[in-house]
Amino acid sequence: QKTRYSDDREPQGTAGLPVLEVLRKNGCTDALITVTRYFGG
């Protein structure tokens, strides 16, 4: 029942947790989502 997420230097709670909630709300397990950001200024 492992759950892991990372904001990777984004403000706490603004990145990894919202991604995790997408998995949770759709009932997905054995699942991973990564989101790579290129900053636009």
Full PDB file with SEQRES, HELIX, SHEET, SSBOND, CRYST1, ORIGX, SCALE, CONECT and MASTER records, all heavy atoms in Angstrom:
SEQRES   1 A   41  GLN LYS THR ARG TYR SER ASP ASP ARG GLU PRO GLN GLY          
SEQRES   2 A   41  THR ALA GLY LEU PRO VAL LEU GLU VAL LEU ARG LYS ASN          
SEQRES   3 A   41  GLY CYS THR ASP ALA LEU ILE THR VAL THR ARG TYR PHE          
SEQRES   4 A   41  GLY GLY                                                      
HELIX    1 AA1 GLY A   16  LYS A   25  1                                  10    
CRYST1    1.000    1.000    1.000  90.00  90.00  90.00 P 1           1          
ORIGX1      1.000000  0.000000  0.000000        0.00000                         
ORIGX2      0.000000  1.000000  0.000000        0.00000                         
ORIGX3      0.000000  0.000000  1.000000        0.00000                         
SCALE1      1.000000  0.000000  0.000000        0.00000                         
SCALE2      0.000000  1.000000  0.000000        0.00000                         
SCALE3      0.000000  0.000000  1.000000        0.00000                         
ATOM      1  N   GLN A   1       0.827  -1.209   0.000  1.00  0.00           N  
ATOM      2  CA  GLN A   1       0.000   0.000   0.000  1.00  0.00           C  
ATOM      3  C   GLN A   1       0.863   1.261   0.000  1.00  0.00           C  
ATOM      4  O   GLN A   1       0.586   2.235   0.700  1.00  0.00           O  
ATOM      5  CB  GLN A   1      -0.934   0.002   1.228  1.00  0.00           C  
ATOM      6  CG  GLN A   1      -1.878  -1.191   1.287  1.00  0.00           C  
ATOM      7  CD  GLN A   1      -2.840  -1.219   0.112  1.00  0.00           C  
ATOM      8  OE1 GLN A   1      -3.548  -0.255  -0.142  1.00  0.00           O  
ATOM      9  NE2 GLN A   1      -2.852  -2.318  -0.622  1.00  0.00           N  
ATOM     10  N   LYS A   2       1.916   1.260  -0.804  1.00  0.00           N  
ATOM     11  CA  LYS A   2       2.862   2.368  -0.816  1.00  0.00           C  
ATOM     12  C   LYS A   2       2.330   3.541  -1.619  1.00  0.00           C  
ATOM     13  O   LYS A   2       1.787   3.374  -2.707  1.00  0.00           O  
ATOM     14  CB  LYS A   2       4.205   1.918  -1.386  1.00  0.00           C  
ATOM     15  CG  LYS A   2       4.946   0.952  -0.471  1.00  0.00           C  
ATOM     16  CD  LYS A   2       6.238   0.482  -1.104  1.00  0.00           C  
ATOM     17  CE  LYS A   2       6.942  -0.510  -0.189  1.00  0.00           C  
ATOM     18  NZ  LYS A   2       8.149  -1.080  -0.831  1.00  0.00           N  
ATOM     19  N   THR A   3       2.514   4.734  -1.050  1.00  0.00           N  
ATOM     20  CA  THR A   3       2.127   5.985  -1.700  1.00  0.00           C  
ATOM     21  C   THR A   3       3.310   6.940  -1.629  1.00  0.00           C  
ATOM     22  O   THR A   3       3.839   7.180  -0.544  1.00  0.00           O  
ATOM     23  CB  THR A   3       0.917   6.623  -0.996  1.00  0.00           C  
ATOM     24  OG1 THR A   3      -0.175   5.716  -1.003  1.00  0.00           O  
ATOM     25  CG2 THR A   3       0.503   7.913  -1.695  1.00  0.00           C  
ATOM     26  N   ARG A   4       3.719   7.453  -2.770  1.00  0.00           N  
ATOM     27  CA  ARG A   4       4.834   8.391  -2.796  1.00  0.00           C  
ATOM     28  C   ARG A   4       4.499   9.534  -3.760  1.00  0.00           C  
ATOM     29  O   ARG A   4       3.866   9.316  -4.791  1.00  0.00           O  
ATOM     30  CB  ARG A   4       6.121   7.718  -3.277  1.00  0.00           C  
ATOM     31  CG  ARG A   4       6.585   6.551  -2.428  1.00  0.00           C  
ATOM     32  CD  ARG A   4       7.242   6.997  -1.133  1.00  0.00           C  
ATOM     33  NE  ARG A   4       7.830   5.867  -0.438  1.00  0.00           N  
ATOM     34  CZ  ARG A   4       7.190   5.068   0.406  1.00  0.00           C  
ATOM     35  NH1 ARG A   4       5.897   5.278   0.645  1.00  0.00           N  
ATOM     36  NH2 ARG A   4       7.803   4.065   1.005  1.00  0.00           N  
ATOM     37  N   TYR A   5       4.967  10.731  -3.413  1.00  0.00           N  
ATOM     38  CA  TYR A   5       4.857  11.839  -4.350  1.00  0.00           C  
ATOM     39  C   TYR A   5       5.947  12.863  -4.046  1.00  0.00           C  
ATOM     40  O   TYR A   5       6.509  12.887  -2.939  1.00  0.00           O  
ATOM     41  CB  TYR A   5       3.471  12.495  -4.302  1.00  0.00           C  
ATOM     42  CG  TYR A   5       3.127  13.220  -3.022  1.00  0.00           C  
ATOM     43  CD1 TYR A   5       3.430  14.570  -2.854  1.00  0.00           C  
ATOM     44  CD2 TYR A   5       2.480  12.553  -1.983  1.00  0.00           C  
ATOM     45  CE1 TYR A   5       3.111  15.231  -1.694  1.00  0.00           C  
ATOM     46  CE2 TYR A   5       2.158  13.206  -0.819  1.00  0.00           C  
ATOM     47  CZ  TYR A   5       2.469  14.547  -0.674  1.00  0.00           C  
ATOM     48  OH  TYR A   5       2.157  15.205   0.498  1.00  0.00           O  
ATOM     49  N   SER A   6       6.244  13.683  -5.041  1.00  0.00           N  
ATOM     50  CA  SER A   6       7.273  14.707  -4.885  1.00  0.00           C  
ATOM     51  C   SER A   6       6.859  15.978  -5.607  1.00  0.00           C  
ATOM     52  O   SER A   6       6.403  15.922  -6.756  1.00  0.00           O  
ATOM     53  CB  SER A   6       8.611  14.223  -5.445  1.00  0.00           C  
ATOM     54  OG  SER A   6       9.554  15.276  -5.521  1.00  0.00           O  
ATOM     55  N   ASP A   7       7.037  17.133  -4.930  1.00  0.00           N  
ATOM     56  CA  ASP A   7       6.814  18.431  -5.562  1.00  0.00           C  
ATOM     57  C   ASP A   7       8.035  18.895  -6.354  1.00  0.00           C  
ATOM     58  O   ASP A   7       7.934  19.846  -7.141  1.00  0.00           O  
ATOM     59  CB  ASP A   7       6.492  19.490  -4.496  1.00  0.00           C  
ATOM     60  CG  ASP A   7       5.169  19.243  -3.808  1.00  0.00           C  
ATOM     61  OD1 ASP A   7       4.178  18.987  -4.506  1.00  0.00           O  
ATOM     62  OD2 ASP A   7       5.126  19.286  -2.562  1.00  0.00           O  
ATOM     63  N   ASP A   8       9.176  18.259  -6.123  1.00  0.00           N  
ATOM     64  CA  ASP A   8      10.427  18.586  -6.812  1.00  0.00           C  
ATOM     65  C   ASP A   8      10.672  20.093  -6.878  1.00  0.00           C  
ATOM     66  O   ASP A   8      10.810  20.685  -7.959  1.00  0.00           O  
ATOM     67  CB  ASP A   8      10.457  17.981  -8.205  1.00  0.00           C  
ATOM     68  CG  ASP A   8      11.866  18.027  -8.820  1.00  0.00           C  
ATOM     69  OD1 ASP A   8      12.843  18.049  -8.041  1.00  0.00           O  
ATOM     70  OD2 ASP A   8      11.976  18.058 -10.055  1.00  0.00           O  
ATOM     71  N   ARG A   9      10.704  20.692  -5.705  1.00  0.00           N  
ATOM     72  CA  ARG A   9      11.054  22.114  -5.529  1.00  0.00           C  
ATOM     73  C   ARG A   9       9.962  23.085  -5.946  1.00  0.00           C  
ATOM     74  O   ARG A   9      10.173  24.293  -5.912  1.00  0.00           O  
ATOM     75  CB  ARG A   9      12.365  22.441  -6.270  1.00  0.00           C  
ATOM     76  CG  ARG A   9      13.577  21.729  -5.679  1.00  0.00           C  
ATOM     77  CD  ARG A   9      14.838  21.863  -6.527  1.00  0.00           C  
ATOM     78  NE  ARG A   9      14.727  21.080  -7.751  1.00  0.00           N  
ATOM     79  CZ  ARG A   9      14.678  21.600  -8.964  1.00  0.00           C  
ATOM     80  NH1 ARG A   9      14.716  22.922  -9.132  1.00  0.00           N  
ATOM     81  NH2 ARG A   9      14.590  20.819 -10.026  1.00  0.00           N  
ATOM     82  N   GLU A  10       8.811  22.597  -6.339  1.00  0.00           N  
ATOM     83  CA  GLU A  10       7.650  23.480  -6.461  1.00  0.00           C  
ATOM     84  C   GLU A  10       7.134  23.765  -5.049  1.00  0.00           C  
ATOM     85  O   GLU A  10       7.448  23.022  -4.107  1.00  0.00           O  
ATOM     86  CB  GLU A  10       6.539  22.816  -7.286  1.00  0.00           C  
ATOM     87  CG  GLU A  10       6.854  22.591  -8.750  1.00  0.00           C  
ATOM     88  CD  GLU A  10       6.730  23.870  -9.590  1.00  0.00           C  
ATOM     89  OE1 GLU A  10       6.945  24.973  -9.055  1.00  0.00           O  
ATOM     90  OE2 GLU A  10       6.453  23.745 -10.793  1.00  0.00           O  
ATOM     91  N   PRO A  11       6.364  24.847  -4.836  1.00  0.00           N  
ATOM     92  CA  PRO A  11       5.813  25.107  -3.508  1.00  0.00           C  
ATOM     93  C   PRO A  11       5.050  23.890  -2.972  1.00  0.00           C  
ATOM     94  O   PRO A  11       4.344  23.206  -3.721  1.00  0.00           O  
ATOM     95  CB  PRO A  11       4.879  26.301  -3.739  1.00  0.00           C  
ATOM     96  CG  PRO A  11       5.464  26.994  -4.929  1.00  0.00           C  
ATOM     97  CD  PRO A  11       6.009  25.907  -5.802  1.00  0.00           C  
ATOM     98  N   GLN A  12       5.228  23.633  -1.699  1.00  0.00           N  
ATOM     99  CA  GLN A  12       4.642  22.440  -1.089  1.00  0.00           C  
ATOM    100  C   GLN A  12       3.137  22.328  -1.351  1.00  0.00           C  
ATOM    101  O   GLN A  12       2.390  23.285  -1.168  1.00  0.00           O  
ATOM    102  CB  GLN A  12       4.894  22.448   0.420  1.00  0.00           C  
ATOM    103  CG  GLN A  12       4.428  21.184   1.121  1.00  0.00           C  
ATOM    104  CD  GLN A  12       4.800  21.189   2.603  1.00  0.00           C  
ATOM    105  OE1 GLN A  12       5.386  22.147   3.108  1.00  0.00           O  
ATOM    106  NE2 GLN A  12       4.459  20.123   3.290  1.00  0.00           N  
ATOM    107  N   GLY A  13       2.725  21.145  -1.793  1.00  0.00           N  
ATOM    108  CA  GLY A  13       1.306  20.881  -1.998  1.00  0.00           C  
ATOM    109  C   GLY A  13       0.747  21.346  -3.325  1.00  0.00           C  
ATOM    110  O   GLY A  13      -0.439  21.152  -3.592  1.00  0.00           O  
ATOM    111  N   THR A  14       1.586  21.935  -4.200  1.00  0.00           N  
ATOM    112  CA  THR A  14       1.065  22.494  -5.454  1.00  0.00           C  
ATOM    113  C   THR A  14       1.265  21.580  -6.654  1.00  0.00           C  
ATOM    114  O   THR A  14       0.756  21.874  -7.738  1.00  0.00           O  
ATOM    115  CB  THR A  14       1.747  23.834  -5.786  1.00  0.00           C  
ATOM    116  OG1 THR A  14       3.155  23.605  -6.008  1.00  0.00           O  
ATOM    117  CG2 THR A  14       1.563  24.835  -4.669  1.00  0.00           C  
ATOM    118  N   ALA A  15       2.010  20.473  -6.487  1.00  0.00           N  
ATOM    119  CA  ALA A  15       2.404  19.691  -7.656  1.00  0.00           C  
ATOM    120  C   ALA A  15       2.195  18.188  -7.440  1.00  0.00           C  
ATOM    121  O   ALA A  15       1.314  17.580  -8.038  1.00  0.00           O  
ATOM    122  CB  ALA A  15       3.865  19.986  -7.999  1.00  0.00           C  
ATOM    123  N   GLY A  16       3.033  17.578  -6.597  1.00  0.00           N  
ATOM    124  CA  GLY A  16       2.938  16.137  -6.391  1.00  0.00           C  
ATOM    125  C   GLY A  16       1.606  15.690  -5.829  1.00  0.00           C  
ATOM    126  O   GLY A  16       1.030  14.687  -6.274  1.00  0.00           O  
ATOM    127  N   LEU A  17       1.096  16.439  -4.856  1.00  0.00           N  
ATOM    128  CA  LEU A  17      -0.182  16.051  -4.240  1.00  0.00           C  
ATOM    129  C   LEU A  17      -1.351  16.151  -5.218  1.00  0.00           C  
ATOM    130  O   LEU A  17      -2.182  15.235  -5.277  1.00  0.00           O  
ATOM    131  CB  LEU A  17      -0.437  16.897  -2.994  1.00  0.00           C  
ATOM    132  CG  LEU A  17      -1.607  16.446  -2.110  1.00  0.00           C  
ATOM    133  CD1 LEU A  17      -1.429  15.001  -1.666  1.00  0.00           C  
ATOM    134  CD2 LEU A  17      -1.734  17.369  -0.896  1.00  0.00           C  
ATOM    135  N   PRO A  18      -1.474  17.224  -6.014  1.00  0.00           N  
ATOM    136  CA  PRO A  18      -2.537  17.243  -7.027  1.00  0.00           C  
ATOM    137  C   PRO A  18      -2.444  16.086  -8.019  1.00  0.00           C  
ATOM    138  O   PRO A  18      -3.474  15.531  -8.430  1.00  0.00           O  
ATOM    139  CB  PRO A  18      -2.328  18.587  -7.735  1.00  0.00           C  
ATOM    140  CG  PRO A  18      -1.698  19.453  -6.710  1.00  0.00           C  
ATOM    141  CD  PRO A  18      -0.791  18.535  -5.935  1.00  0.00           C  
ATOM    142  N   VAL A  19      -1.231  15.694  -8.396  1.00  0.00           N  
ATOM    143  CA  VAL A  19      -1.065  14.552  -9.296  1.00  0.00           C  
ATOM    144  C   VAL A  19      -1.524  13.263  -8.611  1.00  0.00           C  
ATOM    145  O   VAL A  19      -2.212  12.423  -9.199  1.00  0.00           O  
ATOM    146  CB  VAL A  19       0.401  14.433  -9.765  1.00  0.00           C  
ATOM    147  CG1 VAL A  19       0.622  13.151 -10.549  1.00  0.00           C  
ATOM    148  CG2 VAL A  19       0.785  15.641 -10.614  1.00  0.00           C  
ATOM    149  N   LEU A  20      -1.146  13.118  -7.344  1.00  0.00           N  
ATOM    150  CA  LEU A  20      -1.584  11.952  -6.578  1.00  0.00           C  
ATOM    151  C   LEU A  20      -3.103  11.883  -6.484  1.00  0.00           C  
ATOM    152  O   LEU A  20      -3.702  10.806  -6.591  1.00  0.00           O  
ATOM    153  CB  LEU A  20      -0.972  11.993  -5.180  1.00  0.00           C  
ATOM    154  CG  LEU A  20      -1.339  10.848  -4.235  1.00  0.00           C  
ATOM    155  CD1 LEU A  20      -0.808   9.518  -4.765  1.00  0.00           C  
ATOM    156  CD2 LEU A  20      -0.800  11.125  -2.835  1.00  0.00           C  
ATOM    157  N   GLU A  21      -3.739  13.034  -6.307  1.00  0.00           N  
ATOM    158  CA  GLU A  21      -5.202  13.061  -6.192  1.00  0.00           C  
ATOM    159  C   GLU A  21      -5.881  12.612  -7.478  1.00  0.00           C  
ATOM    160  O   GLU A  21      -6.969  12.036  -7.442  1.00  0.00           O  
ATOM    161  CB  GLU A  21      -5.670  14.469  -5.802  1.00  0.00           C  
ATOM    162  CG  GLU A  21      -5.435  14.802  -4.340  1.00  0.00           C  
ATOM    163  CD  GLU A  21      -6.123  13.817  -3.418  1.00  0.00           C  
ATOM    164  OE1 GLU A  21      -7.361  13.665  -3.533  1.00  0.00           O  
ATOM    165  OE2 GLU A  21      -5.431  13.173  -2.602  1.00  0.00           O  
ATOM    166  N   VAL A  22      -5.247  12.860  -8.628  1.00  0.00           N  
ATOM    167  CA  VAL A  22      -5.810  12.370  -9.892  1.00  0.00           C  
ATOM    168  C   VAL A  22      -5.870  10.843  -9.877  1.00  0.00           C  
ATOM    169  O   VAL A  22      -6.868  10.239 -10.283  1.00  0.00           O  
ATOM    170  CB  VAL A  22      -4.985  12.880 -11.090  1.00  0.00           C  
ATOM    171  CG1 VAL A  22      -5.432  12.196 -12.386  1.00  0.00           C  
ATOM    172  CG2 VAL A  22      -5.123  14.391 -11.222  1.00  0.00           C  
ATOM    173  N   LEU A  23      -4.803  10.193  -9.386  1.00  0.00           N  
ATOM    174  CA  LEU A  23      -4.808   8.733  -9.276  1.00  0.00           C  
ATOM    175  C   LEU A  23      -5.845   8.262  -8.270  1.00  0.00           C  
ATOM    176  O   LEU A  23      -6.606   7.325  -8.531  1.00  0.00           O  
ATOM    177  CB  LEU A  23      -3.419   8.237  -8.870  1.00  0.00           C  
ATOM    178  CG  LEU A  23      -2.294   8.403  -9.892  1.00  0.00           C  
ATOM    179  CD1 LEU A  23      -0.971   7.969  -9.296  1.00  0.00           C  
ATOM    180  CD2 LEU A  23      -2.595   7.614 -11.159  1.00  0.00           C  
ATOM    181  N   ARG A  24      -5.888   8.915  -7.129  1.00  0.00           N  
ATOM    182  CA  ARG A  24      -6.825   8.500  -6.075  1.00  0.00           C  
ATOM    183  C   ARG A  24      -8.277   8.634  -6.517  1.00  0.00           C  
ATOM    184  O   ARG A  24      -9.090   7.728  -6.308  1.00  0.00           O  
ATOM    185  CB  ARG A  24      -6.590   9.336  -4.818  1.00  0.00           C  
ATOM    186  CG  ARG A  24      -5.376   8.910  -4.006  1.00  0.00           C  
ATOM    187  CD  ARG A  24      -5.188   9.820  -2.822  1.00  0.00           C  
ATOM    188  NE  ARG A  24      -4.196   9.300  -1.874  1.00  0.00           N  
ATOM    189  CZ  ARG A  24      -3.626  10.018  -0.927  1.00  0.00           C  
ATOM    190  NH1 ARG A  24      -3.951  11.308  -0.784  1.00  0.00           N  
ATOM    191  NH2 ARG A  24      -2.742   9.475  -0.112  1.00  0.00           N  
ATOM    192  N   LYS A  25      -8.623   9.771  -7.110  1.00  0.00           N  
ATOM    193  CA  LYS A  25     -10.015  10.009  -7.497  1.00  0.00           C  
ATOM    194  C   LYS A  25     -10.488   9.052  -8.585  1.00  0.00           C  
ATOM    195  O   LYS A  25     -11.689   8.804  -8.719  1.00  0.00           O  
ATOM    196  CB  LYS A  25     -10.192  11.457  -7.941  1.00  0.00           C  
ATOM    197  CG  LYS A  25     -10.112  12.448  -6.785  1.00  0.00           C  
ATOM    198  CD  LYS A  25     -10.203  13.888  -7.267  1.00  0.00           C  
ATOM    199  CE  LYS A  25     -10.106  14.854  -6.092  1.00  0.00           C  
ATOM    200  NZ  LYS A  25     -10.126  16.273  -6.524  1.00  0.00           N  
ATOM    201  N   ASN A  26      -9.535   8.521  -9.342  1.00  0.00           N  
ATOM    202  CA  ASN A  26      -9.898   7.554 -10.373  1.00  0.00           C  
ATOM    203  C   ASN A  26      -9.682   6.114  -9.919  1.00  0.00           C  
ATOM    204  O   ASN A  26      -9.821   5.185 -10.714  1.00  0.00           O  
ATOM    205  CB  ASN A  26      -9.109   7.840 -11.648  1.00  0.00           C  
ATOM    206  CG  ASN A  26      -9.631   9.072 -12.362  1.00  0.00           C  
ATOM    207  OD1 ASN A  26     -10.630   9.012 -13.052  1.00  0.00           O  
ATOM    208  ND2 ASN A  26      -8.972  10.207 -12.170  1.00  0.00           N  
ATOM    209  N   GLY A  27      -9.344   5.951  -8.648  1.00  0.00           N  
ATOM    210  CA  GLY A  27      -9.230   4.615  -8.078  1.00  0.00           C  
ATOM    211  C   GLY A  27      -8.071   3.798  -8.608  1.00  0.00           C  
ATOM    212  O   GLY A  27      -8.090   2.569  -8.535  1.00  0.00           O  
ATOM    213  N   CYS A  28      -7.036   4.451  -9.133  1.00  0.00           N  
ATOM    214  CA  CYS A  28      -5.930   3.729  -9.763  1.00  0.00           C  
ATOM    215  C   CYS A  28      -4.855   3.339  -8.765  1.00  0.00           C  
ATOM    216  O   CYS A  28      -4.434   4.161  -7.932  1.00  0.00           O  
ATOM    217  CB  CYS A  28      -5.289   4.584 -10.851  1.00  0.00           C  
ATOM    218  SG  CYS A  28      -6.315   4.796 -12.308  1.00  0.00           S  
ATOM    219  N   THR A  29      -4.391   2.121  -8.871  1.00  0.00           N  
ATOM    220  CA  THR A  29      -3.234   1.678  -8.117  1.00  0.00           C  
ATOM    221  C   THR A  29      -2.289   0.951  -9.064  1.00  0.00           C  
ATOM    222  O   THR A  29      -2.624   0.741 -10.234  1.00  0.00           O  
ATOM    223  CB  THR A  29      -3.642   0.781  -6.935  1.00  0.00           C  
ATOM    224  OG1 THR A  29      -2.508   0.545  -6.098  1.00  0.00           O  
ATOM    225  CG2 THR A  29      -4.229  -0.528  -7.410  1.00  0.00           C  
ATOM    226  N   ASP A  30      -1.089   0.608  -8.568  1.00  0.00           N  
ATOM    227  CA  ASP A  30      -0.018   0.143  -9.452  1.00  0.00           C  
ATOM    228  C   ASP A  30       0.111   1.125 -10.611  1.00  0.00           C  
ATOM    229  O   ASP A  30       0.161   0.741 -11.794  1.00  0.00           O  
ATOM    230  CB  ASP A  30      -0.288  -1.272  -9.952  1.00  0.00           C  
ATOM    231  CG  ASP A  30       0.125  -2.328  -8.929  1.00  0.00           C  
ATOM    232  OD1 ASP A  30       0.563  -1.951  -7.829  1.00  0.00           O  
ATOM    233  OD2 ASP A  30       0.010  -3.527  -9.237  1.00  0.00           O  
ATOM    234  N   ALA A  31       0.161   2.396 -10.267  1.00  0.00           N  
ATOM    235  CA  ALA A  31       0.120   3.462 -11.274  1.00  0.00           C  
ATOM    236  C   ALA A  31       1.075   4.585 -10.890  1.00  0.00           C  
ATOM    237  O   ALA A  31       1.242   4.904  -9.711  1.00  0.00           O  
ATOM    238  CB  ALA A  31      -1.293   4.011 -11.408  1.00  0.00           C  
ATOM    239  N   LEU A  32       1.684   5.181 -11.898  1.00  0.00           N  
ATOM    240  CA  LEU A  32       2.631   6.289 -11.730  1.00  0.00           C  
ATOM    241  C   LEU A  32       2.309   7.368 -12.748  1.00  0.00           C  
ATOM    242  O   LEU A  32       2.042   7.065 -13.912  1.00  0.00           O  
ATOM    243  CB  LEU A  32       4.063   5.799 -11.950  1.00  0.00           C  
ATOM    244  CG  LEU A  32       5.147   6.838 -12.280  1.00  0.00           C  
ATOM    245  CD1 LEU A  32       5.460   7.708 -11.061  1.00  0.00           C  
ATOM    246  CD2 LEU A  32       6.416   6.145 -12.792  1.00  0.00           C  
ATOM    247  N   ILE A  33       2.345   8.632 -12.301  1.00  0.00           N  
ATOM    248  CA  ILE A  33       2.282   9.768 -13.220  1.00  0.00           C  
ATOM    249  C   ILE A  33       3.458  10.685 -12.907  1.00  0.00           C  
ATOM    250  O   ILE A  33       3.684  11.041 -11.745  1.00  0.00           O  
ATOM    251  CB  ILE A  33       0.970  10.550 -13.094  1.00  0.00           C  
ATOM    252  CG1 ILE A  33      -0.219   9.688 -13.524  1.00  0.00           C  
ATOM    253  CG2 ILE A  33       1.015  11.811 -13.971  1.00  0.00           C  
ATOM    254  CD1 ILE A  33      -1.565  10.389 -13.386  1.00  0.00           C  
ATOM    255  N   THR A  34       4.195  11.050 -13.945  1.00  0.00           N  
ATOM    256  CA  THR A  34       5.235  12.077 -13.811  1.00  0.00           C  
ATOM    257  C   THR A  34       4.788  13.295 -14.613  1.00  0.00           C  
ATOM    258  O   THR A  34       4.123  13.154 -15.642  1.00  0.00           O  
ATOM    259  CB  THR A  34       6.593  11.590 -14.347  1.00  0.00           C  
ATOM    260  OG1 THR A  34       6.493  11.343 -15.756  1.00  0.00           O  
ATOM    261  CG2 THR A  34       7.041  10.321 -13.639  1.00  0.00           C  
ATOM    262  N   VAL A  35       5.167  14.469 -14.124  1.00  0.00           N  
ATOM    263  CA  VAL A  35       4.893  15.702 -14.874  1.00  0.00           C  
ATOM    264  C   VAL A  35       6.173  16.536 -14.880  1.00  0.00           C  
ATOM    265  O   VAL A  35       6.654  16.973 -13.831  1.00  0.00           O  
ATOM    266  CB  VAL A  35       3.740  16.528 -14.274  1.00  0.00           C  
ATOM    267  CG1 VAL A  35       3.464  17.745 -15.166  1.00  0.00           C  
ATOM    268  CG2 VAL A  35       2.474  15.685 -14.132  1.00  0.00           C  
ATOM    269  N   THR A  36       6.714  16.740 -16.064  1.00  0.00           N  
ATOM    270  CA  THR A  36       7.933  17.521 -16.259  1.00  0.00           C  
ATOM    271  C   THR A  36       7.539  18.932 -16.660  1.00  0.00           C  
ATOM    272  O   THR A  36       6.739  19.124 -17.576  1.00  0.00           O  
ATOM    273  CB  THR A  36       8.805  16.887 -17.350  1.00  0.00           C  
ATOM    274  OG1 THR A  36       9.117  15.539 -16.973  1.00  0.00           O  
ATOM    275  CG2 THR A  36      10.075  17.676 -17.559  1.00  0.00           C  
ATOM    276  N   ARG A  37       8.117  19.933 -15.971  1.00  0.00           N  
ATOM    277  CA  ARG A  37       7.758  21.320 -16.270  1.00  0.00           C  
ATOM    278  C   ARG A  37       8.939  22.093 -16.817  1.00  0.00           C  
ATOM    279  O   ARG A  37      10.023  22.108 -16.225  1.00  0.00           O  
ATOM    280  CB  ARG A  37       7.247  22.024 -15.018  1.00  0.00           C  
ATOM    281  CG  ARG A  37       6.817  23.475 -15.281  1.00  0.00           C  
ATOM    282  CD  ARG A  37       6.532  24.229 -14.006  1.00  0.00           C  
ATOM    283  NE  ARG A  37       6.133  25.613 -14.275  1.00  0.00           N  
ATOM    284  CZ  ARG A  37       6.061  26.566 -13.353  1.00  0.00           C  
ATOM    285  NH1 ARG A  37       6.342  26.288 -12.096  1.00  0.00           N  
ATOM    286  NH2 ARG A  37       5.703  27.795 -13.687  1.00  0.00           N  
ATOM    287  N   TYR A  38       8.691  22.766 -17.942  1.00  0.00           N  
ATOM    288  CA  TYR A  38       9.623  23.758 -18.460  1.00  0.00           C  
ATOM    289  C   TYR A  38       9.027  25.125 -18.145  1.00  0.00           C  
ATOM    290  O   TYR A  38       7.961  25.480 -18.647  1.00  0.00           O  
ATOM    291  CB  TYR A  38       9.812  23.581 -19.971  1.00  0.00           C  
ATOM    292  CG  TYR A  38      10.759  22.459 -20.327  1.00  0.00           C  
ATOM    293  CD1 TYR A  38      10.285  21.160 -20.513  1.00  0.00           C  
ATOM    294  CD2 TYR A  38      12.125  22.696 -20.470  1.00  0.00           C  
ATOM    295  CE1 TYR A  38      11.157  20.128 -20.840  1.00  0.00           C  
ATOM    296  CE2 TYR A  38      12.999  21.670 -20.803  1.00  0.00           C  
ATOM    297  CZ  TYR A  38      12.514  20.389 -20.978  1.00  0.00           C  
ATOM    298  OH  TYR A  38      13.372  19.377 -21.295  1.00  0.00           O  
ATOM    299  N   PHE A  39       9.742  25.873 -17.329  1.00  0.00           N  
ATOM    300  CA  PHE A  39       9.245  27.173 -16.864  1.00  0.00           C  
ATOM    301  C   PHE A  39       9.197  28.173 -18.009  1.00  0.00           C  
ATOM    302  O   PHE A  39      10.149  28.318 -18.777  1.00  0.00           O  
ATOM    303  CB  PHE A  39      10.148  27.684 -15.751  1.00  0.00           C  
ATOM    304  CG  PHE A  39       9.702  28.991 -15.153  1.00  0.00           C  
ATOM    305  CD1 PHE A  39       8.432  29.150 -14.631  1.00  0.00           C  
ATOM    306  CD2 PHE A  39      10.575  30.076 -15.103  1.00  0.00           C  
ATOM    307  CE1 PHE A  39       8.026  30.352 -14.076  1.00  0.00           C  
ATOM    308  CE2 PHE A  39      10.184  31.280 -14.550  1.00  0.00           C  
ATOM    309  CZ  PHE A  39       8.903  31.417 -14.035  1.00  0.00           C  
ATOM    310  N   GLY A  40       8.058  28.883 -18.125  1.00  0.00           N  
ATOM    311  CA  GLY A  40       7.873  29.808 -19.224  1.00  0.00           C  
ATOM    312  C   GLY A  40       8.135  31.257 -18.887  1.00  0.00           C  
ATOM    313  O   GLY A  40       7.910  32.144 -19.719  1.00  0.00           O  
ATOM    314  N   GLY A  41       8.601  31.529 -17.653  1.00  0.00           N  
ATOM    315  CA  GLY A  41       8.943  32.901 -17.284  1.00  0.00           C  
ATOM    316  C   GLY A  41       7.852  33.651 -16.561  1.00  0.00           C  
ATOM    317  O   GLY A  41       8.075  34.783 -16.101  1.00  0.00           O  
TER     318      GLY A  41                                                      
MASTER        0    0    0    1    0    0    0    6  317    1    0    4          
END                                                                             
